[in-house]
Amino acid sequence: MRFGVPSNLTGKFYQVKLSVFNALGKPIQHLVNKRLNAGSFEVEFSGIRFASGMYFYKLEAGSFVETKRMILLK
C-alpha cells in the first residue's frame, strides 16, 4: 500500500499513523506508527487473514487526517 505525507508538512517530522478498519469502524491492523517527514512511502498490507469486502484506511500526520475506502478481493 502506498501513501504520502503531504508536502505542506515539510521541514518537520510528524508522528504518522496508518491504520486499517473494517466496515464497522473497528481497527483491524495498524500498519505505520512512526515519525516521518513529507514524502511517498510504501508499506505491505497482507489481507490474508481478512475476508473479501470493504475496508477503510486512515492516515494521520500532524493535523492532516485522511480516511479512504478500499476493497479487498480474494
PDB file of N, CA and C in Angstrom:
ATOM      1  N   MET A   1       0.854  -1.156   0.000  1.00  0.00           N
ATOM      2  CA  MET A   1       0.000   0.000   0.000  1.00  0.00           C
ATOM      3  C   MET A   1       0.906   1.228   0.000  1.00  0.00           C
ATOM      4  N   ARG A   2       0.647   2.121  -0.909  1.00  0.00           N
ATOM      5  CA  ARG A   2       1.411   3.367  -0.990  1.00  0.00           C
ATOM      6  C   ARG A   2       0.634   4.478  -0.306  1.00  0.00           C
ATOM      7  N   PHE A   3       1.376   5.352   0.348  1.00  0.00           N
ATOM      8  CA  PHE A   3       0.748   6.502   0.983  1.00  0.00           C
ATOM      9  C   PHE A   3       1.730   7.660   0.974  1.00  0.00           C
ATOM     10  N   GLY A   4       1.198   8.856   1.120  1.00  0.00           N
ATOM     11  CA  GLY A   4       2.045  10.038   1.108  1.00  0.00           C
ATOM     12  C   GLY A   4       1.778  10.934   2.294  1.00  0.00           C
ATOM     13  N   VAL A   5       2.840  11.478   2.843  1.00  0.00           N
ATOM     14  CA  VAL A   5       2.730  12.514   3.865  1.00  0.00           C
ATOM     15  C   VAL A   5       2.768  13.837   3.103  1.00  0.00           C
ATOM     16  N   PRO A   6       1.730  14.668   3.233  1.00  0.00           N
ATOM     17  CA  PRO A   6       1.608  15.883   2.416  1.00  0.00           C
ATOM     18  C   PRO A   6       2.831  16.786   2.496  1.00  0.00           C
ATOM     19  N   SER A   7       3.168  17.386   1.362  1.00  0.00           N
ATOM     20  CA  SER A   7       4.353  18.246   1.284  1.00  0.00           C
ATOM     21  C   SER A   7       4.171  19.561   2.032  1.00  0.00           C
ATOM     22  N   ASN A   8       2.926  19.957   2.316  1.00  0.00           N
ATOM     23  CA  ASN A   8       2.739  21.195   3.084  1.00  0.00           C
ATOM     24  C   ASN A   8       3.162  21.005   4.541  1.00  0.00           C
ATOM     25  N   LEU A   9       3.507  19.772   4.914  1.00  0.00           N
ATOM     26  CA  LEU A   9       4.016  19.494   6.255  1.00  0.00           C
ATOM     27  C   LEU A   9       5.538  19.421   6.260  1.00  0.00           C
ATOM     28  N   THR A  10       6.171  19.819   5.165  1.00  0.00           N
ATOM     29  CA  THR A  10       7.616  19.659   5.002  1.00  0.00           C
ATOM     30  C   THR A  10       8.412  20.444   6.038  1.00  0.00           C
ATOM     31  N   GLY A  11       9.631  20.002   6.250  1.00  0.00           N
ATOM     32  CA  GLY A  11      10.508  20.697   7.173  1.00  0.00           C
ATOM     33  C   GLY A  11      10.495  20.141   8.578  1.00  0.00           C
ATOM     34  N   LYS A  12       9.548  19.283   8.856  1.00  0.00           N
ATOM     35  CA  LYS A  12       9.429  18.696  10.181  1.00  0.00           C
ATOM     36  C   LYS A  12       9.138  17.213  10.049  1.00  0.00           C
ATOM     37  N   PHE A  13       9.427  16.521  11.098  1.00  0.00           N
ATOM     38  CA  PHE A  13       8.985  15.139  11.189  1.00  0.00           C
ATOM     39  C   PHE A  13       7.674  15.125  11.958  1.00  0.00           C
ATOM     40  N   TYR A  14       6.759  14.290  11.522  1.00  0.00           N
ATOM     41  CA  TYR A  14       5.458  14.183  12.166  1.00  0.00           C
ATOM     42  C   TYR A  14       5.205  12.742  12.568  1.00  0.00           C
ATOM     43  N   GLN A  15       4.466  12.587  13.649  1.00  0.00           N
ATOM     44  CA  GLN A  15       4.029  11.251  14.028  1.00  0.00           C
ATOM     45  C   GLN A  15       2.985  10.824  13.006  1.00  0.00           C
ATOM     46  N   VAL A  16       3.274   9.768  12.270  1.00  0.00           N
ATOM     47  CA  VAL A  16       2.391   9.289  11.207  1.00  0.00           C
ATOM     48  C   VAL A  16       1.791   7.960  11.632  1.00  0.00           C
ATOM     49  N   LYS A  17       0.477   7.865  11.481  1.00  0.00           N
ATOM     50  CA  LYS A  17      -0.232   6.624  11.784  1.00  0.00           C
ATOM     51  C   LYS A  17      -1.045   6.231  10.562  1.00  0.00           C
ATOM     52  N   LEU A  18      -0.961   4.967  10.186  1.00  0.00           N
ATOM     53  CA  LEU A  18      -1.759   4.423   9.092  1.00  0.00           C
ATOM     54  C   LEU A  18      -2.405   3.151   9.609  1.00  0.00           C
ATOM     55  N   SER A  19      -3.730   3.153   9.662  1.00  0.00           N
ATOM     56  CA  SER A  19      -4.472   2.030  10.221  1.00  0.00           C
ATOM     57  C   SER A  19      -5.563   1.594   9.265  1.00  0.00           C
ATOM     58  N   VAL A  20      -5.922   0.306   9.347  1.00  0.00           N
ATOM     59  CA  VAL A  20      -6.991  -0.266   8.530  1.00  0.00           C
ATOM     60  C   VAL A  20      -8.149  -0.630   9.457  1.00  0.00           C
ATOM     61  N   PHE A  21      -9.368  -0.319   9.006  1.00  0.00           N
ATOM     62  CA  PHE A  21     -10.575  -0.553   9.791  1.00  0.00           C
ATOM     63  C   PHE A  21     -11.553  -1.406   8.989  1.00  0.00           C
ATOM     64  N   ASN A  22     -12.361  -2.202   9.684  1.00  0.00           N
ATOM     65  CA  ASN A  22     -13.398  -2.959   8.987  1.00  0.00           C
ATOM     66  C   ASN A  22     -14.592  -2.041   8.719  1.00  0.00           C
ATOM     67  N   ALA A  23     -15.630  -2.580   8.098  1.00  0.00           N
ATOM     68  CA  ALA A  23     -16.792  -1.776   7.710  1.00  0.00           C
ATOM     69  C   ALA A  23     -17.552  -1.230   8.916  1.00  0.00           C
ATOM     70  N   LEU A  24     -17.342  -1.823  10.095  1.00  0.00           N
ATOM     71  CA  LEU A  24     -17.996  -1.347  11.314  1.00  0.00           C
ATOM     72  C   LEU A  24     -17.171  -0.285  12.039  1.00  0.00           C
ATOM     73  N   GLY A  25     -15.992   0.034  11.503  1.00  0.00           N
ATOM     74  CA  GLY A  25     -15.141   1.049  12.102  1.00  0.00           C
ATOM     75  C   GLY A  25     -14.177   0.520  13.147  1.00  0.00           C
ATOM     76  N   LYS A  26     -14.103  -0.794  13.288  1.00  0.00           N
ATOM     77  CA  LYS A  26     -13.188  -1.405  14.263  1.00  0.00           C
ATOM     78  C   LYS A  26     -11.799  -1.528  13.643  1.00  0.00           C
ATOM     79  N   PRO A  27     -10.759  -1.046  14.342  1.00  0.00           N
ATOM     80  CA  PRO A  27      -9.405  -1.188  13.789  1.00  0.00           C
ATOM     81  C   PRO A  27      -9.004  -2.659  13.715  1.00  0.00           C
ATOM     82  N   ILE A  28      -8.474  -3.067  12.557  1.00  0.00           N
ATOM     83  CA  ILE A  28      -8.074  -4.468  12.393  1.00  0.00           C
ATOM     84  C   ILE A  28      -6.573  -4.620  12.216  1.00  0.00           C
ATOM     85  N   GLN A  29      -5.896  -3.544  11.807  1.00  0.00           N
ATOM     86  CA  GLN A  29      -4.444  -3.622  11.674  1.00  0.00           C
ATOM     87  C   GLN A  29      -3.850  -2.217  11.657  1.00  0.00           C
ATOM     88  N   HIS A  30      -2.751  -2.050  12.402  1.00  0.00           N
ATOM     89  CA  HIS A  30      -2.002  -0.795  12.407  1.00  0.00           C
ATOM     90  C   HIS A  30      -0.749  -1.028  11.572  1.00  0.00           C
ATOM     91  N   LEU A  31      -0.623  -0.299  10.481  1.00  0.00           N
ATOM     92  CA  LEU A  31       0.474  -0.515   9.535  1.00  0.00           C
ATOM     93  C   LEU A  31       1.681   0.375   9.795  1.00  0.00           C
ATOM     94  N   VAL A  32       1.441   1.605  10.223  1.00  0.00           N
ATOM     95  CA  VAL A  32       2.531   2.559  10.462  1.00  0.00           C
ATOM     96  C   VAL A  32       2.227   3.324  11.742  1.00  0.00           C
ATOM     97  N   ASN A  33       3.245   3.502  12.556  1.00  0.00           N
ATOM     98  CA  ASN A  33       3.149   4.350  13.742  1.00  0.00           C
ATOM     99  C   ASN A  33       4.564   4.827  14.066  1.00  0.00           C
ATOM    100  N   LYS A  34       5.030   5.819  13.283  1.00  0.00           N
ATOM    101  CA  LYS A  34       6.390   6.326  13.487  1.00  0.00           C
ATOM    102  C   LYS A  34       6.520   7.744  12.948  1.00  0.00           C
ATOM    103  N   ARG A  35       7.646   8.366  13.264  1.00  0.00           N
ATOM    104  CA  ARG A  35       7.894   9.732  12.824  1.00  0.00           C
ATOM    105  C   ARG A  35       8.466   9.712  11.408  1.00  0.00           C
ATOM    106  N   LEU A  36       7.812  10.468  10.517  1.00  0.00           N
ATOM    107  CA  LEU A  36       8.230  10.555   9.121  1.00  0.00           C
ATOM    108  C   LEU A  36       8.176  12.004   8.662  1.00  0.00           C
ATOM    109  N   ASN A  37       8.965  12.324   7.653  1.00  0.00           N
ATOM    110  CA  ASN A  37       8.929  13.620   7.000  1.00  0.00           C
ATOM    111  C   ASN A  37       7.985  13.520   5.801  1.00  0.00           C
ATOM    112  N   ALA A  38       7.722  14.623   5.135  1.00  0.00           N
ATOM    113  CA  ALA A  38       6.880  14.614   3.941  1.00  0.00           C
ATOM    114  C   ALA A  38       7.508  13.733   2.871  1.00  0.00           C
ATOM    115  N   GLY A  39       6.655  13.070   2.085  1.00  0.00           N
ATOM    116  CA  GLY A  39       7.150  12.229   1.006  1.00  0.00           C
ATOM    117  C   GLY A  39       6.241  11.048   0.766  1.00  0.00           C
ATOM    118  N   SER A  40       6.663  10.190  -0.148  1.00  0.00           N
ATOM    119  CA  SER A  40       5.904   8.991  -0.502  1.00  0.00           C
ATOM    120  C   SER A  40       6.540   7.774   0.148  1.00  0.00           C
ATOM    121  N   PHE A  41       5.688   6.877   0.603  1.00  0.00           N
ATOM    122  CA  PHE A  41       6.141   5.688   1.309  1.00  0.00           C
ATOM    123  C   PHE A  41       5.314   4.487   0.867  1.00  0.00           C
ATOM    124  N   GLU A  42       5.817   3.318   1.160  1.00  0.00           N
ATOM    125  CA  GLU A  42       5.107   2.087   0.820  1.00  0.00           C
ATOM    126  C   GLU A  42       5.210   1.131   2.000  1.00  0.00           C
ATOM    127  N   VAL A  43       4.099   0.489   2.312  1.00  0.00           N
ATOM    128  CA  VAL A  43       4.050  -0.481   3.400  1.00  0.00           C
ATOM    129  C   VAL A  43       3.252  -1.692   2.916  1.00  0.00           C
ATOM    130  N   GLU A  44       3.595  -2.860   3.401  1.00  0.00           N
ATOM    131  CA  GLU A  44       2.896  -4.073   2.971  1.00  0.00           C
ATOM    132  C   GLU A  44       1.651  -4.292   3.822  1.00  0.00           C
ATOM    133  N   PHE A  45       0.532  -4.533   3.153  1.00  0.00           N
ATOM    134  CA  PHE A  45      -0.714  -4.908   3.820  1.00  0.00           C
ATOM    135  C   PHE A  45      -1.129  -6.261   3.280  1.00  0.00           C
ATOM    136  N   SER A  46      -1.062  -7.266   4.121  1.00  0.00           N
ATOM    137  CA  SER A  46      -1.488  -8.604   3.729  1.00  0.00           C
ATOM    138  C   SER A  46      -2.900  -8.820   4.251  1.00  0.00           C
ATOM    139  N   GLY A  47      -3.830  -8.985   3.346  1.00  0.00           N
ATOM    140  CA  GLY A  47      -5.217  -9.202   3.731  1.00  0.00           C
ATOM    141  C   GLY A  47      -5.571 -10.664   3.882  1.00  0.00           C
ATOM    142  N   ILE A  48      -4.568 -11.522   4.004  1.00  0.00           N
ATOM    143  CA  ILE A  48      -4.806 -12.964   4.037  1.00  0.00           C
ATOM    144  C   ILE A  48      -5.701 -13.385   5.203  1.00  0.00           C
ATOM    145  N   ARG A  49      -5.638 -12.660   6.313  1.00  0.00           N
ATOM    146  CA  ARG A  49      -6.444 -13.016   7.493  1.00  0.00           C
ATOM    147  C   ARG A  49      -7.852 -12.435   7.444  1.00  0.00           C
ATOM    148  N   PHE A  50      -8.142 -11.642   6.428  1.00  0.00           N
ATOM    149  CA  PHE A  50      -9.413 -10.932   6.383  1.00  0.00           C
ATOM    150  C   PHE A  50     -10.258 -11.392   5.202  1.00  0.00           C
ATOM    151  N   ALA A  51     -11.562 -11.310   5.364  1.00  0.00           N
ATOM    152  CA  ALA A  51     -12.492 -11.694   4.302  1.00  0.00           C
ATOM    153  C   ALA A  51     -12.519 -10.624   3.212  1.00  0.00           C
ATOM    154  N   SER A  52     -12.906 -11.036   2.015  1.00  0.00           N
ATOM    155  CA  SER A  52     -13.125 -10.067   0.941  1.00  0.00           C
ATOM    156  C   SER A  52     -14.203  -9.092   1.380  1.00  0.00           C
ATOM    157  N   GLY A  53     -14.074  -7.850   0.977  1.00  0.00           N
ATOM    158  CA  GLY A  53     -15.086  -6.864   1.327  1.00  0.00           C
ATOM    159  C   GLY A  53     -14.526  -5.460   1.372  1.00  0.00           C
ATOM    160  N   MET A  54     -15.333  -4.562   1.932  1.00  0.00           N
ATOM    161  CA  MET A  54     -14.969  -3.158   2.011  1.00  0.00           C
ATOM    162  C   MET A  54     -14.275  -2.877   3.347  1.00  0.00           C
ATOM    163  N   TYR A  55     -13.190  -2.133   3.268  1.00  0.00           N
ATOM    164  CA  TYR A  55     -12.427  -1.714   4.437  1.00  0.00           C
ATOM    165  C   TYR A  55     -12.095  -0.239   4.278  1.00  0.00           C
ATOM    166  N   PHE A  56     -11.628   0.365   5.343  1.00  0.00           N
ATOM    167  CA  PHE A  56     -11.211   1.762   5.319  1.00  0.00           C
ATOM    168  C   PHE A  56      -9.789   1.856   5.844  1.00  0.00           C
ATOM    169  N   TYR A  57      -9.051   2.831   5.346  1.00  0.00           N
ATOM    170  CA  TYR A  57      -7.749   3.116   5.935  1.00  0.00           C
ATOM    171  C   TYR A  57      -7.705   4.590   6.306  1.00  0.00           C
ATOM    172  N   LYS A  58      -7.020   4.857   7.396  1.00  0.00           N
ATOM    173  CA  LYS A  58      -6.937   6.217   7.926  1.00  0.00           C
ATOM    174  C   LYS A  58      -5.472   6.594   8.077  1.00  0.00           C
ATOM    175  N   LEU A  59      -5.106   7.723   7.480  1.00  0.00           N
ATOM    176  CA  LEU A  59      -3.754   8.259   7.560  1.00  0.00           C
ATOM    177  C   LEU A  59      -3.790   9.524   8.403  1.00  0.00           C
ATOM    178  N   GLU A  60      -2.958   9.569   9.434  1.00  0.00           N
ATOM    179  CA  GLU A  60      -2.846  10.743  10.295  1.00  0.00           C
ATOM    180  C   GLU A  60      -1.392  11.199  10.300  1.00  0.00           C
ATOM    181  N   ALA A  61      -1.171  12.490  10.050  1.00  0.00           N
ATOM    182  CA  ALA A  61       0.177  13.067  10.069  1.00  0.00           C
ATOM    183  C   ALA A  61       0.053  14.507  10.541  1.00  0.00           C
ATOM    184  N   GLY A  62       0.455  14.772  11.763  1.00  0.00           N
ATOM    185  CA  GLY A  62       0.274  16.110  12.314  1.00  0.00           C
ATOM    186  C   GLY A  62      -1.207  16.445  12.352  1.00  0.00           C
ATOM    187  N   SER A  63      -1.590  17.588  11.784  1.00  0.00           N
ATOM    188  CA  SER A  63      -3.001  17.985  11.752  1.00  0.00           C
ATOM    189  C   SER A  63      -3.737  17.397  10.546  1.00  0.00           C
ATOM    190  N   PHE A  64      -3.024  16.711   9.671  1.00  0.00           N
ATOM    191  CA  PHE A  64      -3.617  16.112   8.473  1.00  0.00           C
ATOM    192  C   PHE A  64      -4.242  14.762   8.830  1.00  0.00           C
ATOM    193  N   VAL A  65      -5.504  14.574   8.436  1.00  0.00           N
ATOM    194  CA  VAL A  65      -6.198  13.297   8.626  1.00  0.00           C
ATOM    195  C   VAL A  65      -6.957  12.992   7.346  1.00  0.00           C
ATOM    196  N   GLU A  66      -6.795  11.766   6.842  1.00  0.00           N
ATOM    197  CA  GLU A  66      -7.486  11.346   5.620  1.00  0.00           C
ATOM    198  C   GLU A  66      -7.967   9.913   5.809  1.00  0.00           C
ATOM    199  N   THR A  67      -9.240   9.691   5.499  1.00  0.00           N
ATOM    200  CA  THR A  67      -9.817   8.348   5.555  1.00  0.00           C
ATOM    201  C   THR A  67     -10.358   8.018   4.177  1.00  0.00           C
ATOM    202  N   LYS A  68     -10.005   6.835   3.683  1.00  0.00           N
ATOM    203  CA  LYS A  68     -10.472   6.413   2.363  1.00  0.00           C
ATOM    204  C   LYS A  68     -10.939   4.967   2.411  1.00  0.00           C
ATOM    205  N   ARG A  69     -11.742   4.620   1.424  1.00  0.00           N
ATOM    206  CA  ARG A  69     -12.300   3.274   1.318  1.00  0.00           C
ATOM    207  C   ARG A  69     -11.421   2.425   0.413  1.00  0.00           C
ATOM    208  N   MET A  70     -11.359   1.136   0.716  1.00  0.00           N
ATOM    209  CA  MET A  70     -10.666   0.201  -0.177  1.00  0.00           C
ATOM    210  C   MET A  70     -11.442  -1.106  -0.206  1.00  0.00           C
ATOM    211  N   ILE A  71     -11.301  -1.824  -1.301  1.00  0.00           N
ATOM    212  CA  ILE A  71     -11.963  -3.110  -1.491  1.00  0.00           C
ATOM    213  C   ILE A  71     -10.897  -4.193  -1.498  1.00  0.00           C
ATOM    214  N   LEU A  72     -11.107  -5.215  -0.682  1.00  0.00           N
ATOM    215  CA  LEU A  72     -10.209  -6.362  -0.639  1.00  0.00           C
ATOM    216  C   LEU A  72     -10.873  -7.505  -1.396  1.00  0.00           C
ATOM    217  N   LEU A  73     -10.216  -7.970  -2.449  1.00  0.00           N
ATOM    218  CA  LEU A  73     -10.720  -9.086  -3.256  1.00  0.00           C
ATOM    219  C   LEU A  73      -9.765 -10.255  -3.134  1.00  0.00           C
ATOM    220  N   LYS A  74     -10.330 -11.426  -2.988  1.00  0.00           N
ATOM    221  CA  LYS A  74      -9.500 -12.640  -2.916  1.00  0.00           C
ATOM    222  C   LYS A  74      -9.828 -13.552  -4.063  1.00  0.00           C
TER     223      LYS A  74
END
